[in-house]
Amino acid sequence: MPTVEAPPLERKLVAILAADVEGYSRLMHDDEEQTLATLSAHRNIIDALIAAGRGEISGTAGDSVLAEFASVVDAVQCAVSIQQALTKANAVLPAKNRMLLRIGINVGDVMVKDGGIFGDGVNVAARLEAIAEPGGICVTRGVRDHLRDRMDYEFEDLGEHRVKNISRPVRVFRVCFDPNATAELPQTEPVAPTEGVHLANDQNPPVAAGADAVELAFWQSVQASNDPSEYQAYLAQFPEGDFAALAQARLATPSISDQSSTEDRTVELEFWNSIKDTELRVMFEAYLEKYPDGEFRSLAEIRLETLASGPAAR
């Protein structure tokens, strides 16, 4: 019987950004509902900044994000913008509920399959993210060398590190930046990486990042209120904001002081939105345990069946 050869995989050179939440398991253990709500709000900020920074999200799983950029400059600028925006978003939260991100950035050759990226380049970025301090960014020497004299950031040499599944030591650098500042990103639509990695693109005017953090802070200051005027104030300032539908629902409730069902629906929706794209069976099992008659029960059961029958069942 003749052997059928698999088509060659597409390869490309990209800047890879890997991020995850520090202490996510602890946060989930302490307050599951608050953690999922905060993760959803933070992901809105992260996703918007990746798009504004000309990046493309290649994968998400639980509390992690993997993105690719055609420009090393864009990748690092986006990472700094994310950390600065999340600093503002966390500032309005109680200390125990703050959610800090660790980010690793590598530049390398990757394989492309089914819209995702794979290979040593991705693995190194993920290992760098684990080395980064909460709220910090670590990059490889290749990234640092690309950025010399092109950006104002300093890079602290953390030496060579042995990382899992990578045979050679990796030289790691910490990006030094002001977490309380507001970074700027190019005002463009996201574009897919093309012919290799570019160093810079200065053809577009900058736009300040972090506007999402302002809206998030506003919403978090009113979301538990029983005063309709506060929801009206939110809608006046953010008529098409991420939480506009929730604000309108609160106003439409006959008695805002008796809104337990609305709040339960909101929490369930936040829970579902935070897990619907993950590949982890345990997240869908947790949803069904908490909401056995929930609105998304059928979808959760379908996802569990799919994951159980797939090669990556866990």
Protein backbone atom coordinates (compact mmCIF):
# COMPACT_ATOMS: atom_id res chain seq x y z
CA MET A 1 0.00 0.00 0.00
CA PRO A 2 1.58 3.32 -1.02
CA THR A 3 2.56 5.72 1.76
CA VAL A 4 0.75 9.03 1.72
CA GLU A 5 3.10 11.82 2.65
CA ALA A 6 1.78 14.63 4.82
CA PRO A 7 1.96 18.06 3.21
CA PRO A 8 4.88 20.18 4.47
CA LEU A 9 4.05 22.43 7.37
CA GLU A 10 4.10 26.17 6.85
CA ARG A 11 6.93 27.92 8.70
CA LYS A 12 7.47 31.58 9.44
CA LEU A 13 9.65 33.89 11.50
CA VAL A 14 7.70 35.83 14.15
CA ALA A 15 8.00 37.53 17.49
CA ILE A 16 6.15 35.38 20.04
CA LEU A 17 4.47 36.75 23.17
CA ALA A 18 3.47 34.24 25.86
CA ALA A 19 1.62 35.37 28.99
CA ASP A 20 -0.14 33.86 31.96
CA VAL A 21 -1.60 34.93 35.31
CA GLU A 22 0.62 34.57 38.37
CA GLY A 23 -1.02 32.56 41.15
CA TYR A 24 -4.17 31.77 39.15
CA SER A 25 -4.87 28.51 41.00
CA ARG A 26 -4.62 30.29 44.35
CA LEU A 27 -6.97 33.05 43.19
CA MET A 28 -9.49 30.47 41.94
CA HIS A 29 -9.33 28.64 45.26
CA ASP A 30 -9.88 31.83 47.25
CA ASP A 31 -12.76 33.28 45.21
CA GLU A 32 -13.75 31.49 42.04
CA GLU A 33 -16.43 33.91 40.86
CA GLN A 34 -14.41 37.07 41.48
CA THR A 35 -11.36 35.53 39.80
CA LEU A 36 -13.30 34.61 36.67
CA ALA A 37 -14.88 38.06 36.50
CA THR A 38 -11.47 39.75 36.87
CA LEU A 39 -9.91 37.42 34.29
CA SER A 40 -12.66 38.25 31.79
CA ALA A 41 -12.17 42.00 32.32
CA HIS A 42 -8.38 41.68 32.04
CA ARG A 43 -8.69 39.61 28.88
CA ASN A 44 -10.78 42.37 27.29
CA ILE A 45 -7.85 44.75 27.92
CA ILE A 46 -5.20 42.26 26.74
CA ASP A 47 -7.03 41.26 23.55
CA ALA A 48 -7.73 44.89 22.61
CA LEU A 49 -4.09 45.89 23.09
CA ILE A 50 -2.79 42.93 21.07
CA ALA A 51 -5.09 43.95 18.21
CA ALA A 52 -4.05 47.61 18.51
CA GLY A 53 -0.41 46.53 18.54
CA ARG A 54 -0.74 44.70 15.20
CA GLY A 55 -0.57 41.30 16.88
CA GLU A 56 -2.60 38.16 16.35
CA ILE A 57 -3.75 35.83 19.12
CA SER A 58 -2.63 32.28 18.28
CA GLY A 59 -3.97 30.45 21.30
CA THR A 60 -5.65 30.77 24.69
CA ALA A 61 -6.11 28.22 27.45
CA GLY A 62 -7.53 29.18 30.81
CA ASP A 63 -5.38 32.01 32.12
CA SER A 64 -2.76 32.00 29.33
CA VAL A 65 -2.43 33.89 26.05
CA LEU A 66 -0.15 33.23 23.07
CA ALA A 67 0.23 35.92 20.40
CA GLU A 68 2.43 36.51 17.38
CA PHE A 69 3.75 39.73 15.86
CA ALA A 70 5.47 40.52 12.58
CA SER A 71 7.55 43.16 14.39
CA VAL A 72 9.73 42.68 17.47
CA VAL A 73 9.21 46.35 18.30
CA ASP A 74 5.43 45.89 18.21
CA ALA A 75 5.62 42.80 20.42
CA VAL A 76 7.65 44.49 23.16
CA GLN A 77 5.66 47.74 22.99
CA CYS A 78 2.43 45.76 23.25
CA ALA A 79 3.75 43.79 26.25
CA VAL A 80 4.67 47.01 28.06
CA SER A 81 1.25 48.52 27.23
CA ILE A 82 -0.51 45.44 28.61
CA GLN A 83 1.40 45.56 31.88
CA GLN A 84 0.80 49.29 32.28
CA ALA A 85 -2.94 48.98 31.52
CA LEU A 86 -3.31 46.09 33.97
CA THR A 87 -1.50 48.12 36.65
CA LYS A 88 -4.28 50.72 36.33
CA ALA A 89 -7.00 48.06 36.26
CA ASN A 90 -5.61 46.35 39.37
CA ALA A 91 -5.31 49.63 41.28
CA VAL A 92 -9.09 49.77 41.84
CA LEU A 93 -9.26 46.18 43.13
CA PRO A 94 -8.65 44.93 46.68
CA ALA A 95 -5.08 43.61 47.02
CA LYS A 96 -6.28 40.00 47.38
CA ASN A 97 -8.16 40.17 44.07
CA ARG A 98 -5.44 41.75 41.93
CA MET A 99 -4.38 39.69 38.95
CA LEU A 100 -0.77 40.07 37.75
CA LEU A 101 0.50 38.88 34.40
CA ARG A 102 3.93 37.48 33.53
CA ILE A 103 5.08 37.88 29.91
CA GLY A 104 7.85 36.24 27.89
CA ILE A 105 8.90 37.29 24.38
CA ASN A 106 11.06 35.38 21.91
CA VAL A 107 11.80 35.76 18.22
CA GLY A 108 12.13 32.60 16.19
CA ASP A 109 11.02 30.25 13.46
CA VAL A 110 7.69 28.53 14.16
CA MET A 111 5.47 25.94 12.50
CA VAL A 112 1.87 26.82 11.64
CA LYS A 113 -0.98 24.32 11.88
CA ASP A 114 -4.74 24.92 12.09
CA GLY A 115 -4.18 28.57 12.92
CA GLY A 116 -1.84 27.83 15.84
CA ILE A 117 1.94 28.14 16.11
CA PHE A 118 4.28 25.46 17.45
CA GLY A 119 7.97 24.72 17.89
CA ASP A 120 10.99 25.62 19.99
CA GLY A 121 10.38 29.33 19.43
CA VAL A 122 7.03 29.05 21.20
CA ASN A 123 8.44 26.83 23.97
CA VAL A 124 11.21 29.33 24.75
CA ALA A 125 8.69 32.20 25.02
CA ALA A 126 6.63 30.12 27.45
CA ARG A 127 9.70 29.34 29.59
CA LEU A 128 10.63 33.04 29.67
CA GLU A 129 7.16 33.89 30.90
CA ALA A 130 7.69 31.51 33.83
CA ILE A 131 10.96 33.29 34.68
CA ALA A 132 9.42 36.77 34.57
CA GLU A 133 8.32 38.34 37.84
CA PRO A 134 4.61 39.12 38.31
CA GLY A 135 3.85 42.27 36.31
CA GLY A 136 7.17 41.89 34.45
CA ILE A 137 8.49 41.03 30.99
CA CYS A 138 11.45 38.81 30.06
CA VAL A 139 12.97 38.53 26.57
CA THR A 140 15.70 36.54 24.86
CA ARG A 141 19.02 37.95 23.74
CA GLY A 142 17.75 37.86 20.15
CA VAL A 143 14.89 40.19 21.07
CA ARG A 144 17.21 42.49 23.05
CA ASP A 145 19.66 42.67 20.15
CA HIS A 146 16.89 43.56 17.70
CA LEU A 147 15.81 46.44 19.93
CA ARG A 148 19.17 48.05 20.67
CA ASP A 149 18.98 51.79 19.98
CA ARG A 150 15.39 51.41 18.73
CA MET A 151 13.49 51.74 21.99
CA ASP A 152 14.07 53.68 25.20
CA TYR A 153 13.80 50.69 27.54
CA GLU A 154 16.74 49.33 29.49
CA PHE A 155 17.37 45.58 29.65
CA GLU A 156 18.68 43.87 32.78
CA ASP A 157 20.82 40.81 32.04
CA LEU A 158 19.55 37.88 34.11
CA GLY A 159 22.19 35.48 32.77
CA GLU A 160 21.81 32.10 31.10
CA HIS A 161 19.01 29.76 32.13
CA ARG A 162 18.47 26.08 31.49
CA VAL A 163 14.84 25.66 30.46
CA LYS A 164 12.76 22.53 30.09
CA ASN A 165 12.91 20.70 26.72
CA ILE A 166 15.46 23.17 25.28
CA SER A 167 18.96 21.71 24.93
CA ARG A 168 20.91 24.97 24.92
CA PRO A 169 20.96 27.60 27.69
CA VAL A 170 18.84 30.69 27.03
CA ARG A 171 20.18 34.17 27.80
CA VAL A 172 17.39 36.08 29.53
CA PHE A 173 16.88 39.85 29.88
CA ARG A 174 14.30 41.71 31.96
CA VAL A 175 12.63 44.72 30.32
CA CYS A 176 12.84 47.77 32.60
CA PHE A 177 9.81 50.08 32.27
CA ASP A 178 7.59 52.31 34.39
CA PRO A 179 4.44 50.28 35.22
CA ASN A 180 2.51 53.44 36.10
CA ALA A 181 3.12 55.20 32.79
CA THR A 182 0.86 54.96 29.74
CA ALA A 183 2.46 53.46 26.64
CA GLU A 184 1.54 54.32 23.07
CA LEU A 185 0.61 51.95 20.28
CA PRO A 186 0.25 52.47 16.53
CA GLN A 187 -3.31 53.32 15.44
CA THR A 188 -3.81 50.54 12.93
CA GLU A 189 -5.89 47.44 12.40
CA PRO A 190 -4.11 44.18 13.29
CA VAL A 191 -2.31 42.54 10.37
CA ALA A 192 -1.13 38.99 9.94
CA PRO A 193 2.67 38.46 10.00
CA THR A 194 4.07 38.32 6.47
CA GLU A 195 7.61 37.95 5.21
CA GLY A 196 9.64 37.60 8.38
CA VAL A 197 10.02 39.84 11.39
CA HIS A 198 10.34 43.60 10.94
CA LEU A 199 12.14 45.89 13.32
CA ALA A 200 9.90 48.95 13.24
CA ASN A 201 7.01 50.69 11.54
CA ASP A 202 6.71 54.40 12.20
CA GLN A 203 4.25 55.29 9.42
CA ASN A 204 1.18 55.54 11.68
CA PRO A 205 0.39 58.10 14.39
CA PRO A 206 0.43 56.76 17.96
CA VAL A 207 -2.64 56.34 20.12
CA ALA A 208 -2.54 56.13 23.91
CA ALA A 209 -3.20 52.65 25.31
CA GLY A 210 -5.11 51.96 28.49
CA ALA A 211 -8.50 53.51 27.71
CA ASP A 212 -10.03 50.09 28.45
CA ALA A 213 -8.53 50.25 31.92
CA VAL A 214 -10.36 53.54 32.56
CA GLU A 215 -13.69 52.01 31.56
CA LEU A 216 -12.96 48.92 33.66
CA ALA A 217 -12.19 51.06 36.70
CA PHE A 218 -15.46 52.99 36.21
CA TRP A 219 -17.51 49.81 35.89
CA GLN A 220 -15.92 48.14 38.90
CA SER A 221 -16.73 51.23 40.97
CA VAL A 222 -20.47 50.98 40.18
CA GLN A 223 -21.17 47.32 39.44
CA ALA A 224 -22.38 46.49 42.99
CA SER A 225 -24.44 49.68 43.33
CA ASN A 226 -28.20 49.87 43.94
CA ASP A 227 -28.36 53.43 42.58
CA PRO A 228 -29.72 53.64 38.99
CA SER A 229 -28.02 57.02 38.49
CA GLU A 230 -24.59 55.36 38.65
CA TYR A 231 -25.45 52.99 35.79
CA GLN A 232 -26.85 55.93 33.84
CA ALA A 233 -23.57 57.78 34.41
CA TYR A 234 -21.61 54.78 33.09
CA LEU A 235 -23.78 54.60 29.96
CA ALA A 236 -23.44 58.34 29.41
CA GLN A 237 -19.66 58.04 29.37
CA PHE A 238 -19.40 54.64 27.64
CA PRO A 239 -22.59 54.21 25.56
CA GLU A 240 -21.04 51.32 23.61
CA GLY A 241 -18.72 50.06 26.35
CA ASP A 242 -17.94 46.43 27.15
CA PHE A 243 -20.39 46.53 30.08
CA ALA A 244 -23.14 48.59 28.43
CA ALA A 245 -25.44 45.58 28.13
CA LEU A 246 -24.99 44.78 31.81
CA ALA A 247 -25.67 48.38 32.81
CA GLN A 248 -28.85 48.44 30.73
CA ALA A 249 -29.94 45.13 32.25
CA ARG A 250 -29.44 46.55 35.74
CA LEU A 251 -31.56 49.59 34.85
CA ALA A 252 -34.27 47.37 33.37
CA THR A 253 -34.53 45.31 36.54
CA PRO A 254 -37.81 46.24 38.29
CA SER A 255 -36.07 46.56 41.63
CA ILE A 256 -32.32 47.02 41.49
CA SER A 257 -32.07 46.25 45.20
CA ASP A 258 -33.58 42.82 44.48
CA GLN A 259 -31.24 41.76 41.69
CA SER A 260 -29.88 38.40 42.82
CA SER A 261 -31.09 36.63 39.67
CA THR A 262 -29.52 39.24 37.41
CA GLU A 263 -26.23 39.04 39.28
CA ASP A 264 -26.26 35.23 39.14
CA ARG A 265 -26.83 35.41 35.37
CA THR A 266 -23.95 37.89 35.03
CA VAL A 267 -21.57 35.69 37.02
CA GLU A 268 -22.54 32.61 34.99
CA LEU A 269 -21.99 34.50 31.75
CA GLU A 270 -18.54 35.70 32.91
CA PHE A 271 -17.69 32.13 33.94
CA TRP A 272 -18.70 30.73 30.54
CA ASN A 273 -16.91 33.44 28.53
CA SER A 274 -13.70 32.76 30.44
CA ILE A 275 -13.65 29.01 29.65
CA LYS A 276 -15.47 28.56 26.34
CA ASP A 277 -12.27 28.56 24.24
CA THR A 278 -10.13 26.47 26.56
CA GLU A 279 -9.03 22.88 25.93
CA LEU A 280 -9.15 21.92 29.62
CA ARG A 281 -11.92 19.45 30.51
CA VAL A 282 -11.71 20.40 34.19
CA MET A 283 -13.01 23.91 33.41
CA PHE A 284 -16.19 22.58 31.77
CA GLU A 285 -16.64 20.07 34.58
CA ALA A 286 -16.38 22.93 37.08
CA TYR A 287 -19.02 24.90 35.14
CA LEU A 288 -21.46 21.95 35.14
CA GLU A 289 -20.88 21.34 38.83
CA LYS A 290 -21.67 24.94 39.69
CA TYR A 291 -24.47 25.42 37.13
CA PRO A 292 -26.03 21.95 36.54
CA ASP A 293 -29.06 23.63 34.90
CA GLY A 294 -27.11 26.56 33.48
CA GLU A 295 -27.80 28.34 30.22
CA PHE A 296 -24.69 26.81 28.61
CA ARG A 297 -25.11 23.29 29.98
CA SER A 298 -25.61 21.68 26.56
CA LEU A 299 -22.57 23.45 25.09
CA ALA A 300 -20.44 22.41 28.08
CA GLU A 301 -21.52 18.77 27.68
CA ILE A 302 -20.70 18.86 23.96
CA ARG A 303 -17.26 20.33 24.66
CA LEU A 304 -16.59 17.61 27.26
CA GLU A 305 -17.53 14.89 24.76
CA THR A 306 -15.33 16.47 22.09
CA LEU A 307 -12.33 16.78 24.42
CA ALA A 308 -12.82 13.24 25.74
CA SER A 309 -12.73 11.77 22.22
CA GLY A 310 -9.89 13.96 20.94
CA PRO A 311 -6.15 13.18 20.94
CA ALA A 312 -5.57 15.75 23.68
CA ALA A 313 -8.23 14.38 26.07
CA ARG A 314 -7.31 15.05 29.67
